[in-house]
C-alpha atoms as a PDB file:
ATOM      1  CA  UNK A   1      12.398  -8.921  20.949  1.00  0.00           C
ATOM      2  CA  UNK A   2      14.024 -10.761  23.220  1.00  0.00           C
ATOM      3  CA  UNK A   3      12.240 -12.749  26.209  1.00  0.00           C
ATOM      4  CA  UNK A   4      13.413 -14.438  29.221  1.00  0.00           C
ATOM      5  CA  UNK A   5      12.462 -18.004  29.374  1.00  0.00           C
ATOM      6  CA  UNK A   6      11.675 -20.152  32.701  1.00  0.00           C
ATOM      7  CA  UNK A   7      15.365 -20.349  33.489  1.00  0.00           C
ATOM      8  CA  UNK A   8      16.575 -16.932  33.100  1.00  0.00           C
ATOM      9  CA  UNK A   9      17.959 -17.015  29.780  1.00  0.00           C
ATOM     10  CA  UNK A  10      17.668 -14.413  27.032  1.00  0.00           C
ATOM     11  CA  UNK A  11      15.955 -16.274  24.151  1.00  0.00           C
ATOM     12  CA  UNK A  12      14.597 -14.509  20.873  1.00  0.00           C
ATOM     13  CA  UNK A  13      11.085 -15.803  19.837  1.00  0.00           C
ATOM     14  CA  UNK A  14      11.294 -17.461  16.263  1.00  0.00           C
ATOM     15  CA  UNK A  15       8.648 -16.839  13.634  1.00  0.00           C
ATOM     16  CA  UNK A  16       7.653 -17.986  10.203  1.00  0.00           C
ATOM     17  CA  UNK A  17       6.590 -15.337   7.818  1.00  0.00           C
ATOM     18  CA  UNK A  18       5.578 -16.099   4.332  1.00  0.00           C
ATOM     19  CA  UNK A  19       4.712 -13.708   1.116  1.00  0.00           C
ATOM     20  CA  UNK A  20       3.093 -15.297  -1.524  1.00  0.00           C
ATOM     21  CA  UNK A  21       1.252 -14.553  -4.645  1.00  0.00           C
ATOM     22  CA  UNK A  22       1.135 -14.430  -8.087  1.00  0.00           C
ATOM     23  CA  UNK A  23       4.404 -13.473 -10.356  1.00  0.00           C
ATOM     24  CA  UNK A  24       4.733  -9.596 -10.384  1.00  0.00           C
ATOM     25  CA  UNK A  25       3.068  -9.212  -7.288  1.00  0.00           C
ATOM     26  CA  UNK A  26       5.877  -8.048  -5.397  1.00  0.00           C
ATOM     27  CA  UNK A  27       6.781 -10.890  -3.238  1.00  0.00           C
ATOM     28  CA  UNK A  28      10.563 -10.789  -3.663  1.00  0.00           C
ATOM     29  CA  UNK A  29      10.539  -7.052  -3.372  1.00  0.00           C
ATOM     30  CA  UNK A  30       8.671  -7.253   0.087  1.00  0.00           C
ATOM     31  CA  UNK A  31      11.326 -10.155   0.991  1.00  0.00           C
ATOM     32  CA  UNK A  32      14.192  -7.629   0.382  1.00  0.00           C
ATOM     33  CA  UNK A  33      12.578  -4.811   2.349  1.00  0.00           C
ATOM     34  CA  UNK A  34      12.136  -7.039   5.433  1.00  0.00           C
ATOM     35  CA  UNK A  35      15.682  -8.297   5.006  1.00  0.00           C
ATOM     36  CA  UNK A  36      17.064  -4.829   4.632  1.00  0.00           C
ATOM     37  CA  UNK A  37      15.235  -3.720   7.715  1.00  0.00           C
ATOM     38  CA  UNK A  38      16.700  -6.834   9.747  1.00  0.00           C
ATOM     39  CA  UNK A  39      20.180  -5.776   8.403  1.00  0.00           C
ATOM     40  CA  UNK A  40      19.568  -2.137   9.426  1.00  0.00           C
ATOM     41  CA  UNK A  41      18.929  -3.331  12.936  1.00  0.00           C
ATOM     42  CA  UNK A  42      22.284  -5.038  13.133  1.00  0.00           C
ATOM     43  CA  UNK A  43      20.799  -8.390  12.958  1.00  0.00           C
ATOM     44  CA  UNK A  44      22.593 -11.547  11.280  1.00  0.00           C
ATOM     45  CA  UNK A  45      21.014 -12.074   8.179  1.00  0.00           C
ATOM     46  CA  UNK A  46      21.326 -15.009   5.541  1.00  0.00           C
ATOM     47  CA  UNK A  47      19.348 -15.326   2.390  1.00  0.00           C
ATOM     48  CA  UNK A  48      18.626 -18.563   0.157  1.00  0.00           C
ATOM     49  CA  UNK A  49      17.280 -19.468  -3.019  1.00  0.00           C
ATOM     50  CA  UNK A  50      17.109 -22.306  -5.090  1.00  0.00           C
ATOM     51  CA  UNK A  51      20.104 -23.042  -7.474  1.00  0.00           C
ATOM     52  CA  UNK A  52      17.969 -23.249 -10.599  1.00  0.00           C
ATOM     53  CA  UNK A  53      16.558 -19.748 -10.274  1.00  0.00           C
ATOM     54  CA  UNK A  54      19.383 -17.874 -12.479  1.00  0.00           C
ATOM     55  CA  UNK A  55      16.724 -15.548 -14.539  1.00  0.00           C
ATOM     56  CA  UNK A  56      18.557 -12.408 -13.245  1.00  0.00           C
ATOM     57  CA  UNK A  57      21.602 -13.431 -11.215  1.00  0.00           C
ATOM     58  CA  UNK A  58      23.304 -16.773 -10.255  1.00  0.00           C
ATOM     59  CA  UNK A  59      24.319 -15.364  -6.676  1.00  0.00           C
ATOM     60  CA  UNK A  60      21.525 -12.622  -5.878  1.00  0.00           C
ATOM     61  CA  UNK A  61      18.093 -12.372  -4.995  1.00  0.00           C
ATOM     62  CA  UNK A  62      16.612 -10.143  -7.447  1.00  0.00           C
ATOM     63  CA  UNK A  63      13.137  -8.360  -7.918  1.00  0.00           C
ATOM     64  CA  UNK A  64      11.301  -7.618 -11.341  1.00  0.00           C
ATOM     65  CA  UNK A  65      12.510  -4.143 -10.507  1.00  0.00           C
ATOM     66  CA  UNK A  66      16.040  -5.246 -10.307  1.00  0.00           C
ATOM     67  CA  UNK A  67      16.736  -4.513  -6.793  1.00  0.00           C
ATOM     68  CA  UNK A  68      18.964  -7.161  -5.558  1.00  0.00           C
ATOM     69  CA  UNK A  69      20.311  -8.535  -2.148  1.00  0.00           C
ATOM     70  CA  UNK A  70      23.461 -11.085  -1.800  1.00  0.00           C
ATOM     71  CA  UNK A  71      22.187 -14.747  -1.298  1.00  0.00           C
ATOM     72  CA  UNK A  72      23.404 -18.427  -1.576  1.00  0.00           C
ATOM     73  CA  UNK A  73      21.964 -20.762  -4.091  1.00  0.00           C
ATOM     74  CA  UNK A  74      21.264 -24.276  -3.074  1.00  0.00           C
ATOM     75  CA  UNK A  75      20.198 -27.375  -4.452  1.00  0.00           C
ATOM     76  CA  UNK A  76      18.820 -28.851  -1.074  1.00  0.00           C
ATOM     77  CA  UNK A  77      16.603 -27.254   1.517  1.00  0.00           C
ATOM     78  CA  UNK A  78      18.686 -29.441   4.205  1.00  0.00           C
ATOM     79  CA  UNK A  79      21.766 -27.314   3.475  1.00  0.00           C
ATOM     80  CA  UNK A  80      19.998 -24.225   4.870  1.00  0.00           C
ATOM     81  CA  UNK A  81      20.118 -25.708   8.217  1.00  0.00           C
ATOM     82  CA  UNK A  82      24.025 -26.141   7.857  1.00  0.00           C
ATOM     83  CA  UNK A  83      24.529 -22.856   6.647  1.00  0.00           C
ATOM     84  CA  UNK A  84      22.159 -20.939   9.309  1.00  0.00           C
ATOM     85  CA  UNK A  85      24.161 -21.265  12.804  1.00  0.00           C
ATOM     86  CA  UNK A  86      24.329 -18.187  14.627  1.00  0.00           C
ATOM     87  CA  UNK A  87      21.686 -16.146  12.145  1.00  0.00           C
ATOM     88  CA  UNK A  88      18.905 -14.073  13.537  1.00  0.00           C
ATOM     89  CA  UNK A  89      17.148 -13.881  10.266  1.00  0.00           C
ATOM     90  CA  UNK A  90      16.837 -16.365   7.499  1.00  0.00           C
ATOM     91  CA  UNK A  91      15.044 -15.208   4.066  1.00  0.00           C
ATOM     92  CA  UNK A  92      14.050 -17.705   1.220  1.00  0.00           C
ATOM     93  CA  UNK A  93      13.387 -16.604  -2.009  1.00  0.00           C
ATOM     94  CA  UNK A  94      11.227 -18.903  -4.713  1.00  0.00           C
ATOM     95  CA  UNK A  95      10.327 -21.444  -1.728  1.00  0.00           C
ATOM     96  CA  UNK A  96       8.057 -23.011  -4.332  1.00  0.00           C
ATOM     97  CA  UNK A  97      11.099 -24.637  -6.185  1.00  0.00           C
ATOM     98  CA  UNK A  98      12.643 -26.363  -2.706  1.00  0.00           C
ATOM     99  CA  UNK A  99      11.587 -29.716  -1.649  1.00  0.00           C
ATOM    100  CA  UNK A 100       9.246 -30.675   0.824  1.00  0.00           C
ATOM    101  CA  UNK A 101      11.755 -30.908   3.293  1.00  0.00           C
ATOM    102  CA  UNK A 102      11.895 -27.153   3.724  1.00  0.00           C
ATOM    103  CA  UNK A 103       8.834 -27.204   6.014  1.00  0.00           C
ATOM    104  CA  UNK A 104      10.623 -29.199   8.405  1.00  0.00           C
ATOM    105  CA  UNK A 105      13.914 -26.827   8.138  1.00  0.00           C
ATOM    106  CA  UNK A 106      11.642 -23.518   8.647  1.00  0.00           C
ATOM    107  CA  UNK A 107      10.206 -25.221  11.582  1.00  0.00           C
ATOM    108  CA  UNK A 108      13.433 -26.166  13.119  1.00  0.00           C
ATOM    109  CA  UNK A 109      15.034 -22.764  12.354  1.00  0.00           C
ATOM    110  CA  UNK A 110      11.764 -20.720  14.192  1.00  0.00           C
ATOM    111  CA  UNK A 111      11.730 -23.274  17.088  1.00  0.00           C
ATOM    112  CA  UNK A 112      15.490 -22.451  17.762  1.00  0.00           C
ATOM    113  CA  UNK A 113      14.399 -18.626  17.758  1.00  0.00           C
ATOM    114  CA  UNK A 114      15.270 -17.534  14.168  1.00  0.00           C
ATOM    115  CA  UNK A 115      12.951 -15.404  12.356  1.00  0.00           C
ATOM    116  CA  UNK A 116      11.996 -17.003   8.611  1.00  0.00           C
ATOM    117  CA  UNK A 117      10.863 -14.968   6.114  1.00  0.00           C
ATOM    118  CA  UNK A 118       9.896 -16.984   2.886  1.00  0.00           C
ATOM    119  CA  UNK A 119       8.609 -15.817  -0.417  1.00  0.00           C
ATOM    120  CA  UNK A 120       6.941 -17.813  -3.174  1.00  0.00           C
ATOM    121  CA  UNK A 121       4.456 -18.836  -5.723  1.00  0.00           C
ATOM    122  CA  UNK A 122       1.462 -20.183  -3.861  1.00  0.00           C
ATOM    123  CA  UNK A 123      -0.162 -21.756  -7.157  1.00  0.00           C
ATOM    124  CA  UNK A 124       1.702 -22.789 -10.533  1.00  0.00           C
ATOM    125  CA  UNK A 125       0.393 -21.635 -13.876  1.00  0.00           C
ATOM    126  CA  UNK A 126      -2.693 -23.907 -13.631  1.00  0.00           C
ATOM    127  CA  UNK A 127      -3.750 -22.524 -10.440  1.00  0.00           C
ATOM    128  CA  UNK A 128      -2.292 -25.902  -8.488  1.00  0.00           C
ATOM    129  CA  UNK A 129      -0.959 -25.167  -4.844  1.00  0.00           C
ATOM    130  CA  UNK A 130       2.956 -25.233  -5.505  1.00  0.00           C
ATOM    131  CA  UNK A 131       5.600 -27.307  -3.879  1.00  0.00           C
ATOM    132  CA  UNK A 132       5.972 -26.765  -0.443  1.00  0.00           C
ATOM    133  CA  UNK A 133       4.166 -23.337  -0.252  1.00  0.00           C
ATOM    134  CA  UNK A 134       0.623 -24.646   1.011  1.00  0.00           C
ATOM    135  CA  UNK A 135       2.466 -26.257   4.037  1.00  0.00           C
ATOM    136  CA  UNK A 136       4.565 -23.244   4.879  1.00  0.00           C
ATOM    137  CA  UNK A 137       1.555 -21.081   4.893  1.00  0.00           C
ATOM    138  CA  UNK A 138      -0.175 -23.523   7.279  1.00  0.00           C
ATOM    139  CA  UNK A 139       2.743 -23.494   9.694  1.00  0.00           C
ATOM    140  CA  UNK A 140       3.424 -19.821   9.113  1.00  0.00           C
ATOM    141  CA  UNK A 141       2.940 -17.366  11.996  1.00  0.00           C
ATOM    142  CA  UNK A 142       1.899 -14.653   9.464  1.00  0.00           C
ATOM    143  CA  UNK A 143       0.830 -15.147   5.988  1.00  0.00           C
ATOM    144  CA  UNK A 144       1.102 -11.973   3.585  1.00  0.00           C
ATOM    145  CA  UNK A 145      -0.866 -12.639   0.311  1.00  0.00           C
ATOM    146  CA  UNK A 146       0.284  -9.983  -2.143  1.00  0.00           C
ATOM    147  CA  UNK A 147      -1.428  -9.324  -5.632  1.00  0.00           C
ATOM    148  CA  UNK A 148      -0.290  -8.149  -9.218  1.00  0.00           C
ATOM    149  CA  UNK A 149      -2.622  -6.556 -11.206  1.00  0.00           C
ATOM    150  CA  UNK A 150      -4.559  -8.457 -14.008  1.00  0.00           C
ATOM    151  CA  UNK A 151      -3.092  -7.312 -17.282  1.00  0.00           C
ATOM    152  CA  UNK A 152      -6.439  -7.904 -19.176  1.00  0.00           C
ATOM    153  CA  UNK A 153      -8.862  -6.017 -16.850  1.00  0.00           C
ATOM    154  CA  UNK A 154      -7.155  -4.116 -14.284  1.00  0.00           C
ATOM    155  CA  UNK A 155      -8.402  -6.119 -11.264  1.00  0.00           C
ATOM    156  CA  UNK A 156      -6.293  -7.919  -8.838  1.00  0.00           C
ATOM    157  CA  UNK A 157      -4.509 -10.867 -10.387  1.00  0.00           C
ATOM    158  CA  UNK A 158      -5.329 -14.160  -8.948  1.00  0.00           C
ATOM    159  CA  UNK A 159      -2.394 -16.328 -10.588  1.00  0.00           C
ATOM    160  CA  UNK A 160       0.339 -16.399 -13.452  1.00  0.00           C
ATOM    161  CA  UNK A 161      -1.283 -17.437 -16.583  1.00  0.00           C
ATOM    162  CA  UNK A 162       1.635 -18.959 -19.017  1.00  0.00           C
ATOM    163  CA  UNK A 163       1.413 -17.639 -22.384  1.00  0.00           C
ATOM    164  CA  UNK A 164       3.538 -20.091 -23.944  1.00  0.00           C
ATOM    165  CA  UNK A 165       2.919 -23.646 -25.013  1.00  0.00           C
ATOM    166  CA  UNK A 166       4.919 -25.824 -22.527  1.00  0.00           C
ATOM    167  CA  UNK A 167       3.441 -28.432 -20.127  1.00  0.00           C
ATOM    168  CA  UNK A 168       6.356 -28.585 -17.761  1.00  0.00           C
ATOM    169  CA  UNK A 169       5.432 -27.560 -14.238  1.00  0.00           C
ATOM    170  CA  UNK A 170       8.678 -25.379 -13.790  1.00  0.00           C
ATOM    171  CA  UNK A 171       9.670 -23.287 -16.767  1.00  0.00           C
ATOM    172  CA  UNK A 172      11.454 -20.138 -15.590  1.00  0.00           C
ATOM    173  CA  UNK A 173      10.316 -17.152 -17.210  1.00  0.00           C
ATOM    174  CA  UNK A 174       9.205 -13.554 -17.373  1.00  0.00           C
ATOM    175  CA  UNK A 175       6.845 -11.399 -18.873  1.00  0.00           C
ATOM    176  CA  UNK A 176       7.508 -13.201 -22.280  1.00  0.00           C
ATOM    177  CA  UNK A 177       6.207 -16.348 -20.669  1.00  0.00           C
ATOM    178  CA  UNK A 178       3.724 -15.306 -17.788  1.00  0.00           C
ATOM    179  CA  UNK A 179       0.896 -12.532 -17.412  1.00  0.00           C
ATOM    180  CA  UNK A 180      -0.823 -12.015 -14.296  1.00  0.00           C
ATOM    181  CA  UNK A 181      -4.716 -12.592 -14.592  1.00  0.00           C
ATOM    182  CA  UNK A 182      -7.721 -12.201 -12.276  1.00  0.00           C
ATOM    183  CA  UNK A 183      -9.923 -15.331 -11.827  1.00  0.00           C
ATOM    184  CA  UNK A 184     -12.142 -14.243 -14.668  1.00  0.00           C
ATOM    185  CA  UNK A 185      -9.788 -13.363 -17.046  1.00  0.00           C
ATOM    186  CA  UNK A 186      -7.870 -16.725 -16.243  1.00  0.00           C
ATOM    187  CA  UNK A 187     -11.125 -18.401 -17.106  1.00  0.00           C
ATOM    188  CA  UNK A 188     -11.513 -16.858 -20.289  1.00  0.00           C
ATOM    189  CA  UNK A 189      -7.897 -17.477 -21.279  1.00  0.00           C
ATOM    190  CA  UNK A 190      -8.227 -21.089 -20.654  1.00  0.00           C
ATOM    191  CA  UNK A 191     -11.660 -21.630 -22.327  1.00  0.00           C
ATOM    192  CA  UNK A 192     -10.195 -19.962 -25.503  1.00  0.00           C
ATOM    193  CA  UNK A 193      -6.940 -22.415 -25.340  1.00  0.00           C
ATOM    194  CA  UNK A 194      -9.375 -25.305 -24.881  1.00  0.00           C
ATOM    195  CA  UNK A 195     -11.808 -24.090 -27.577  1.00  0.00           C
END
């Protein structure tokens, strides 16, 4: 959608969309779906991910279902601004691993008419809001919270429970290290671990 501003120039309305939830909830799948639709509409799309995320690919954003889309791995959110000139849509995967500067970067992009689509974990394995995600949810025009299914009871999952002993906040992993659990099953799992 393009609108005319008060000087009569055509301008795209920028926006920030956040897709958040636990691991295995389809966040990256939804990001890829939205970005593919934008490409189909002949919009100029650029996708970024944190350089530390090399689980499936160094260069691509890949969902757990192995759907992939080319991306640019970065160490700093500031690089996104440098690489987003003349872009209509910016996609950012695993946003929780970026620095807090990502919030300002996304605001700047949206303010200059870019559609910014962000996917990331809203909480870490302890249920604590993760990295820039809470602030991104606060400034977003639209927030979509997606849910995995609890592997123990079948209810909607609340968070990604870590199944291995490791206290590092960032531990890249898959089904060998994490399982989606609902709130009740998570409380039971944490209670057993303490007891």
